[in-house]
Amino acid sequence: FSYTFAVNDATVYESKHNAISGVSFSQGIKTGGYTMEIRIPWTTLGGVQTVGDMVGFDLHVNDDDNGGTRDGKKAWRDGSD
């Protein structure tokens, strides 16, 4: 799964499986940036997790201030580019 949530855009984007059923998010602008809360149901990801299961997870924040190429990126758990 590869989800994209953009600031000032209410659309949920998922580029691998079109798995967006039940996915929602809220966002707010604050001084110096924004906040975002994202909800993805386990059923949308194709299963039910139980205590002790391992789940892989990456998080990327891409910055593009002018509509061109990416100006910068912060990532958690990914060391590429």
PDB file of N, CA and C in Angstrom:
ATOM      1  N   PHE A   1       0.842  -1.182   0.000  1.00  0.00           N
ATOM      2  CA  PHE A   1       0.000   0.000   0.000  1.00  0.00           C
ATOM      3  C   PHE A   1       0.876   1.230   0.000  1.00  0.00           C
ATOM      4  N   SER A   2       0.419   2.255  -0.697  1.00  0.00           N
ATOM      5  CA  SER A   2       1.149   3.512  -0.743  1.00  0.00           C
ATOM      6  C   SER A   2       0.137   4.657  -0.721  1.00  0.00           C
ATOM      7  N   TYR A   3      -0.046   5.236   0.447  1.00  0.00           N
ATOM      8  CA  TYR A   3      -1.035   6.296   0.627  1.00  0.00           C
ATOM      9  C   TYR A   3      -0.386   7.662   0.525  1.00  0.00           C
ATOM     10  N   THR A   4      -1.136   8.613  -0.041  1.00  0.00           N
ATOM     11  CA  THR A   4      -0.710  10.005  -0.096  1.00  0.00           C
ATOM     12  C   THR A   4      -1.831  10.868   0.450  1.00  0.00           C
ATOM     13  N   PHE A   5      -1.454  11.764   1.359  1.00  0.00           N
ATOM     14  CA  PHE A   5      -2.381  12.726   1.939  1.00  0.00           C
ATOM     15  C   PHE A   5      -1.729  14.099   1.783  1.00  0.00           C
ATOM     16  N   ALA A   6      -2.401  15.008   1.099  1.00  0.00           N
ATOM     17  CA  ALA A   6      -1.807  16.310   0.800  1.00  0.00           C
ATOM     18  C   ALA A   6      -2.478  17.405   1.619  1.00  0.00           C
ATOM     19  N   VAL A   7      -1.690  18.367   2.030  1.00  0.00           N
ATOM     20  CA  VAL A   7      -2.213  19.517   2.749  1.00  0.00           C
ATOM     21  C   VAL A   7      -3.159  20.292   1.835  1.00  0.00           C
ATOM     22  N   ASN A   8      -4.283  20.722   2.381  1.00  0.00           N
ATOM     23  CA  ASN A   8      -5.307  21.469   1.648  1.00  0.00           C
ATOM     24  C   ASN A   8      -5.916  20.672   0.499  1.00  0.00           C
ATOM     25  N   ASP A   9      -5.988  19.362   0.641  1.00  0.00           N
ATOM     26  CA  ASP A   9      -6.592  18.473  -0.358  1.00  0.00           C
ATOM     27  C   ASP A   9      -7.335  17.385   0.412  1.00  0.00           C
ATOM     28  N   ALA A  10      -8.633  17.256   0.197  1.00  0.00           N
ATOM     29  CA  ALA A  10      -9.452  16.305   0.948  1.00  0.00           C
ATOM     30  C   ALA A  10      -9.450  14.898   0.360  1.00  0.00           C
ATOM     31  N   THR A  11      -8.707  14.662  -0.710  1.00  0.00           N
ATOM     32  CA  THR A  11      -8.690  13.366  -1.388  1.00  0.00           C
ATOM     33  C   THR A  11      -7.696  12.410  -0.738  1.00  0.00           C
ATOM     34  N   VAL A  12      -8.094  11.142  -0.595  1.00  0.00           N
ATOM     35  CA  VAL A  12      -7.178  10.077  -0.165  1.00  0.00           C
ATOM     36  C   VAL A  12      -6.655   9.409  -1.431  1.00  0.00           C
ATOM     37  N   TYR A  13      -5.341   9.351  -1.582  1.00  0.00           N
ATOM     38  CA  TYR A  13      -4.720   8.721  -2.750  1.00  0.00           C
ATOM     39  C   TYR A  13      -4.037   7.436  -2.303  1.00  0.00           C
ATOM     40  N   GLU A  14      -4.219   6.349  -3.063  1.00  0.00           N
ATOM     41  CA  GLU A  14      -3.525   5.082  -2.792  1.00  0.00           C
ATOM     42  C   GLU A  14      -3.141   4.512  -4.141  1.00  0.00           C
ATOM     43  N   SER A  15      -1.846   4.434  -4.421  1.00  0.00           N
ATOM     44  CA  SER A  15      -1.383   4.162  -5.779  1.00  0.00           C
ATOM     45  C   SER A  15      -1.123   2.696  -6.114  1.00  0.00           C
ATOM     46  N   LYS A  16      -1.187   1.807  -5.166  1.00  0.00           N
ATOM     47  CA  LYS A  16      -0.846   0.407  -5.445  1.00  0.00           C
ATOM     48  C   LYS A  16      -2.076  -0.491  -5.628  1.00  0.00           C
ATOM     49  N   HIS A  17      -3.086  -0.346  -4.775  1.00  0.00           N
ATOM     50  CA  HIS A  17      -4.217  -1.283  -4.771  1.00  0.00           C
ATOM     51  C   HIS A  17      -5.584  -0.603  -4.816  1.00  0.00           C
ATOM     52  N   ASN A  18      -5.603   0.745  -4.859  1.00  0.00           N
ATOM     53  CA  ASN A  18      -6.848   1.506  -4.768  1.00  0.00           C
ATOM     54  C   ASN A  18      -7.652   1.122  -3.529  1.00  0.00           C
ATOM     55  N   ALA A  19      -6.969   0.851  -2.431  1.00  0.00           N
ATOM     56  CA  ALA A  19      -7.593   0.426  -1.174  1.00  0.00           C
ATOM     57  C   ALA A  19      -7.838   1.644  -0.301  1.00  0.00           C
ATOM     58  N   ILE A  20      -8.967   2.325  -0.528  1.00  0.00           N
ATOM     59  CA  ILE A  20      -9.259   3.531   0.242  1.00  0.00           C
ATOM     60  C   ILE A  20     -10.539   3.418   1.065  1.00  0.00           C
ATOM     61  N   SER A  21     -11.214   2.271   1.024  1.00  0.00           N
ATOM     62  CA  SER A  21     -12.454   2.097   1.769  1.00  0.00           C
ATOM     63  C   SER A  21     -12.219   2.298   3.265  1.00  0.00           C
ATOM     64  N   GLY A  22     -12.934   3.237   3.851  1.00  0.00           N
ATOM     65  CA  GLY A  22     -12.835   3.494   5.284  1.00  0.00           C
ATOM     66  C   GLY A  22     -11.664   4.359   5.701  1.00  0.00           C
ATOM     67  N   VAL A  23     -10.772   4.695   4.756  1.00  0.00           N
ATOM     68  CA  VAL A  23      -9.610   5.529   5.083  1.00  0.00           C
ATOM     69  C   VAL A  23     -10.076   6.979   5.179  1.00  0.00           C
ATOM     70  N   SER A  24      -9.650   7.657   6.235  1.00  0.00           N
ATOM     71  CA  SER A  24     -10.010   9.063   6.397  1.00  0.00           C
ATOM     72  C   SER A  24      -8.868   9.804   7.076  1.00  0.00           C
ATOM     73  N   PHE A  25      -8.906  11.113   6.982  1.00  0.00           N
ATOM     74  CA  PHE A  25      -7.891  11.906   7.656  1.00  0.00           C
ATOM     75  C   PHE A  25      -8.422  13.300   7.934  1.00  0.00           C
ATOM     76  N   SER A  26      -7.808  13.935   8.902  1.00  0.00           N
ATOM     77  CA  SER A  26      -8.118  15.323   9.208  1.00  0.00           C
ATOM     78  C   SER A  26      -6.798  16.074   9.276  1.00  0.00           C
ATOM     79  N   GLN A  27      -6.869  17.371   9.037  1.00  0.00           N
ATOM     80  CA  GLN A  27      -5.652  18.163   9.027  1.00  0.00           C
ATOM     81  C   GLN A  27      -5.937  19.566   9.524  1.00  0.00           C
ATOM     82  N   GLY A  28      -4.911  20.218   9.969  1.00  0.00           N
ATOM     83  CA  GLY A  28      -5.043  21.590  10.433  1.00  0.00           C
ATOM     84  C   GLY A  28      -3.746  22.340  10.184  1.00  0.00           C
ATOM     85  N   ILE A  29      -3.877  23.585   9.830  1.00  0.00           N
ATOM     86  CA  ILE A  29      -2.718  24.442   9.617  1.00  0.00           C
ATOM     87  C   ILE A  29      -2.349  25.076  10.950  1.00  0.00           C
ATOM     88  N   LYS A  30      -1.067  25.135  11.238  1.00  0.00           N
ATOM     89  CA  LYS A  30      -0.584  25.786  12.449  1.00  0.00           C
ATOM     90  C   LYS A  30       0.640  26.620  12.095  1.00  0.00           C
ATOM     91  N   THR A  31       1.060  27.472  12.991  1.00  0.00           N
ATOM     92  CA  THR A  31       2.232  28.310  12.744  1.00  0.00           C
ATOM     93  C   THR A  31       3.433  27.434  12.400  1.00  0.00           C
ATOM     94  N   GLY A  32       4.013  27.663  11.240  1.00  0.00           N
ATOM     95  CA  GLY A  32       5.195  26.928  10.824  1.00  0.00           C
ATOM     96  C   GLY A  32       4.922  25.573  10.193  1.00  0.00           C
ATOM     97  N   GLY A  33       3.666  25.213   9.967  1.00  0.00           N
ATOM     98  CA  GLY A  33       3.419  23.907   9.354  1.00  0.00           C
ATOM     99  C   GLY A  33       1.979  23.460   9.421  1.00  0.00           C
ATOM    100  N   TYR A  34       1.786  22.189   9.710  1.00  0.00           N
ATOM    101  CA  TYR A  34       0.455  21.606   9.731  1.00  0.00           C
ATOM    102  C   TYR A  34       0.466  20.370  10.631  1.00  0.00           C
ATOM    103  N   THR A  35      -0.718  19.899  10.971  1.00  0.00           N
ATOM    104  CA  THR A  35      -0.877  18.613  11.662  1.00  0.00           C
ATOM    105  C   THR A  35      -1.787  17.741  10.807  1.00  0.00           C
ATOM    106  N   MET A  36      -1.612  16.438  10.912  1.00  0.00           N
ATOM    107  CA  MET A  36      -2.443  15.516  10.151  1.00  0.00           C
ATOM    108  C   MET A  36      -2.664  14.253  10.975  1.00  0.00           C
ATOM    109  N   GLU A  37      -3.908  13.802  11.030  1.00  0.00           N
ATOM    110  CA  GLU A  37      -4.264  12.548  11.691  1.00  0.00           C
ATOM    111  C   GLU A  37      -4.902  11.649  10.649  1.00  0.00           C
ATOM    112  N   ILE A  38      -4.374  10.432  10.506  1.00  0.00           N
ATOM    113  CA  ILE A  38      -4.796   9.513   9.448  1.00  0.00           C
ATOM    114  C   ILE A  38      -5.333   8.234  10.078  1.00  0.00           C
ATOM    115  N   ARG A  39      -6.456   7.748   9.553  1.00  0.00           N
ATOM    116  CA  ARG A  39      -7.072   6.510  10.039  1.00  0.00           C
ATOM    117  C   ARG A  39      -7.190   5.515   8.877  1.00  0.00           C
ATOM    118  N   ILE A  40      -6.549   4.348   9.021  1.00  0.00           N
ATOM    119  CA  ILE A  40      -6.598   3.291   8.011  1.00  0.00           C
ATOM    120  C   ILE A  40      -7.055   2.016   8.710  1.00  0.00           C
ATOM    121  N   PRO A  41      -8.274   1.545   8.423  1.00  0.00           N
ATOM    122  CA  PRO A  41      -8.763   0.331   9.084  1.00  0.00           C
ATOM    123  C   PRO A  41      -7.979  -0.914   8.669  1.00  0.00           C
ATOM    124  N   TRP A  42      -7.778  -1.824   9.612  1.00  0.00           N
ATOM    125  CA  TRP A  42      -7.106  -3.088   9.289  1.00  0.00           C
ATOM    126  C   TRP A  42      -7.830  -3.816   8.163  1.00  0.00           C
ATOM    127  N   THR A  43      -9.158  -3.737   8.132  1.00  0.00           N
ATOM    128  CA  THR A  43      -9.909  -4.441   7.087  1.00  0.00           C
ATOM    129  C   THR A  43      -9.567  -3.910   5.692  1.00  0.00           C
ATOM    130  N   THR A  44      -9.244  -2.637   5.569  1.00  0.00           N
ATOM    131  CA  THR A  44      -8.848  -2.067   4.279  1.00  0.00           C
ATOM    132  C   THR A  44      -7.514  -2.642   3.826  1.00  0.00           C
ATOM    133  N   LEU A  45      -6.659  -2.968   4.781  1.00  0.00           N
ATOM    134  CA  LEU A  45      -5.352  -3.536   4.460  1.00  0.00           C
ATOM    135  C   LEU A  45      -5.426  -5.043   4.225  1.00  0.00           C
ATOM    136  N   GLY A  46      -6.605  -5.620   4.345  1.00  0.00           N
ATOM    137  CA  GLY A  46      -6.797  -7.017   3.986  1.00  0.00           C
ATOM    138  C   GLY A  46      -6.615  -8.007   5.108  1.00  0.00           C
ATOM    139  N   GLY A  47      -6.926  -7.628   6.315  1.00  0.00           N
ATOM    140  CA  GLY A  47      -6.800  -8.614   7.378  1.00  0.00           C
ATOM    141  C   GLY A  47      -7.092  -8.045   8.741  1.00  0.00           C
ATOM    142  N   VAL A  48      -6.972  -8.919   9.714  1.00  0.00           N
ATOM    143  CA  VAL A  48      -7.159  -8.546  11.107  1.00  0.00           C
ATOM    144  C   VAL A  48      -5.868  -8.875  11.838  1.00  0.00           C
ATOM    145  N   GLN A  49      -5.334  -7.902  12.532  1.00  0.00           N
ATOM    146  CA  GLN A  49      -4.099  -8.112  13.276  1.00  0.00           C
ATOM    147  C   GLN A  49      -4.413  -8.623  14.678  1.00  0.00           C
ATOM    148  N   THR A  50      -3.500  -9.400  15.216  1.00  0.00           N
ATOM    149  CA  THR A  50      -3.630  -9.879  16.589  1.00  0.00           C
ATOM    150  C   THR A  50      -2.395  -9.452  17.376  1.00  0.00           C
ATOM    151  N   VAL A  51      -2.502  -9.474  18.675  1.00  0.00           N
ATOM    152  CA  VAL A  51      -1.394  -9.092  19.540  1.00  0.00           C
ATOM    153  C   VAL A  51      -0.166  -9.915  19.184  1.00  0.00           C
ATOM    154  N   GLY A  52       0.970  -9.249  19.015  1.00  0.00           N
ATOM    155  CA  GLY A  52       2.218  -9.921  18.691  1.00  0.00           C
ATOM    156  C   GLY A  52       2.562  -9.945  17.220  1.00  0.00           C
ATOM    157  N   ASP A  53       1.613  -9.587  16.338  1.00  0.00           N
ATOM    158  CA  ASP A  53       1.901  -9.533  14.900  1.00  0.00           C
ATOM    159  C   ASP A  53       2.872  -8.396  14.602  1.00  0.00           C
ATOM    160  N   MET A  54       3.713  -8.583  13.607  1.00  0.00           N
ATOM    161  CA  MET A  54       4.637  -7.546  13.153  1.00  0.00           C
ATOM    162  C   MET A  54       4.036  -6.869  11.923  1.00  0.00           C
ATOM    163  N   VAL A  55       4.133  -5.548  11.880  1.00  0.00           N
ATOM    164  CA  VAL A  55       3.599  -4.771  10.768  1.00  0.00           C
ATOM    165  C   VAL A  55       4.678  -3.811  10.294  1.00  0.00           C
ATOM    166  N   GLY A  56       5.046  -3.875   9.019  1.00  0.00           N
ATOM    167  CA  GLY A  56       6.021  -2.944   8.458  1.00  0.00           C
ATOM    168  C   GLY A  56       5.374  -1.600   8.181  1.00  0.00           C
ATOM    169  N   PHE A  57       6.138  -0.536   8.413  1.00  0.00           N
ATOM    170  CA  PHE A  57       5.562   0.799   8.272  1.00  0.00           C
ATOM    171  C   PHE A  57       6.667   1.798   7.929  1.00  0.00           C
ATOM    172  N   ASP A  58       6.467   2.600   6.901  1.00  0.00           N
ATOM    173  CA  ASP A  58       7.355   3.698   6.531  1.00  0.00           C
ATOM    174  C   ASP A  58       6.534   4.976   6.509  1.00  0.00           C
ATOM    175  N   LEU A  59       7.171   6.085   6.806  1.00  0.00           N
ATOM    176  CA  LEU A  59       6.500   7.375   6.746  1.00  0.00           C
ATOM    177  C   LEU A  59       7.423   8.373   6.060  1.00  0.00           C
ATOM    178  N   HIS A  60       6.883   9.063   5.054  1.00  0.00           N
ATOM    179  CA  HIS A  60       7.635  10.085   4.327  1.00  0.00           C
ATOM    180  C   HIS A  60       6.833  11.382   4.350  1.00  0.00           C
ATOM    181  N   VAL A  61       7.505  12.491   4.554  1.00  0.00           N
ATOM    182  CA  VAL A  61       6.902  13.809   4.426  1.00  0.00           C
ATOM    183  C   VAL A  61       7.677  14.534   3.337  1.00  0.00           C
ATOM    184  N   ASN A  62       7.001  14.791   2.229  1.00  0.00           N
ATOM    185  CA  ASN A  62       7.618  15.485   1.095  1.00  0.00           C
ATOM    186  C   ASN A  62       7.218  16.953   1.111  1.00  0.00           C
ATOM    187  N   ASP A  63       8.170  17.811   0.839  1.00  0.00           N
ATOM    188  CA  ASP A  63       7.930  19.250   0.810  1.00  0.00           C
ATOM    189  C   ASP A  63       8.091  19.763  -0.619  1.00  0.00           C
ATOM    190  N   ASP A  64       7.066  20.458  -1.097  1.00  0.00           N
ATOM    191  CA  ASP A  64       7.122  21.091  -2.416  1.00  0.00           C
ATOM    192  C   ASP A  64       6.380  22.410  -2.306  1.00  0.00           C
ATOM    193  N   ASP A  65       7.107  23.483  -2.200  1.00  0.00           N
ATOM    194  CA  ASP A  65       6.500  24.796  -1.982  1.00  0.00           C
ATOM    195  C   ASP A  65       6.048  25.499  -3.249  1.00  0.00           C
ATOM    196  N   ASN A  66       6.501  25.038  -4.419  1.00  0.00           N
ATOM    197  CA  ASN A  66       6.209  25.801  -5.633  1.00  0.00           C
ATOM    198  C   ASN A  66       5.563  24.993  -6.753  1.00  0.00           C
ATOM    199  N   GLY A  67       5.122  23.770  -6.493  1.00  0.00           N
ATOM    200  CA  GLY A  67       4.455  22.972  -7.519  1.00  0.00           C
ATOM    201  C   GLY A  67       5.385  22.319  -8.511  1.00  0.00           C
ATOM    202  N   GLY A  68       6.676  22.370  -8.261  1.00  0.00           N
ATOM    203  CA  GLY A  68       7.655  21.738  -9.150  1.00  0.00           C
ATOM    204  C   GLY A  68       8.095  20.412  -8.569  1.00  0.00           C
ATOM    205  N   THR A  69       9.390  20.167  -8.638  1.00  0.00           N
ATOM    206  CA  THR A  69       9.921  18.946  -8.048  1.00  0.00           C
ATOM    207  C   THR A  69       9.997  19.090  -6.533  1.00  0.00           C
ATOM    208  N   ARG A  70      10.169  17.990  -5.862  1.00  0.00           N
ATOM    209  CA  ARG A  70      10.232  17.964  -4.401  1.00  0.00           C
ATOM    210  C   ARG A  70      11.395  18.829  -3.910  1.00  0.00           C
ATOM    211  N   ASP A  71      11.102  19.711  -2.950  1.00  0.00           N
ATOM    212  CA  ASP A  71      12.118  20.581  -2.365  1.00  0.00           C
ATOM    213  C   ASP A  71      12.874  19.886  -1.236  1.00  0.00           C
ATOM    214  N   GLY A  72      12.228  18.957  -0.573  1.00  0.00           N
ATOM    215  CA  GLY A  72      12.865  18.267   0.535  1.00  0.00           C
ATOM    216  C   GLY A  72      12.021  17.093   0.995  1.00  0.00           C
ATOM    217  N   LYS A  73      12.611  16.262   1.845  1.00  0.00           N
ATOM    218  CA  LYS A  73      11.899  15.077   2.343  1.00  0.00           C
ATOM    219  C   LYS A  73      12.416  14.732   3.727  1.00  0.00           C
ATOM    220  N   LYS A  74      11.493  14.352   4.608  1.00  0.00           N
ATOM    221  CA  LYS A  74      11.811  13.746   5.886  1.00  0.00           C
ATOM    222  C   LYS A  74      11.227  12.334   5.832  1.00  0.00           C
ATOM    223  N   ALA A  75      11.956  11.370   6.342  1.00  0.00           N
ATOM    224  CA  ALA A  75      11.466   9.991   6.307  1.00  0.00           C
ATOM    225  C   ALA A  75      11.773   9.289   7.618  1.00  0.00           C
ATOM    226  N   TRP A  76      10.912   8.369   7.971  1.00  0.00           N
ATOM    227  CA  TRP A  76      11.095   7.532   9.125  1.00  0.00           C
ATOM    228  C   TRP A  76      11.216   6.090   8.624  1.00  0.00           C
ATOM    229  N   ARG A  77      12.315   5.435   8.902  1.00  0.00           N
ATOM    230  CA  ARG A  77      12.583   4.046   8.576  1.00  0.00           C
ATOM    231  C   ARG A  77      13.007   3.829   7.128  1.00  0.00           C
ATOM    232  N   ASP A  78      13.259   4.869   6.353  1.00  0.00           N
ATOM    233  CA  ASP A  78      13.722   4.705   4.977  1.00  0.00           C
ATOM    234  C   ASP A  78      14.973   5.542   4.770  1.00  0.00           C
ATOM    235  N   GLY A  79      16.052   4.932   4.362  1.00  0.00           N
ATOM    236  CA  GLY A  79      17.296   5.647   4.166  1.00  0.00           C
ATOM    237  C   GLY A  79      17.578   6.021   2.732  1.00  0.00           C
ATOM    238  N   SER A  80      16.649   5.741   1.811  1.00  0.00           N
ATOM    239  CA  SER A  80      16.916   6.053   0.395  1.00  0.00           C
ATOM    240  C   SER A  80      16.702   7.541   0.118  1.00  0.00           C
ATOM    241  N   ASP A  81      17.303   8.038  -0.901  1.00  0.00           N
ATOM    242  CA  ASP A  81      17.298   9.425  -1.413  1.00  0.00           C
ATOM    243  C   ASP A  81      17.135  10.444  -0.314  1.00  0.00           C
TER     244      ASP A  81
END
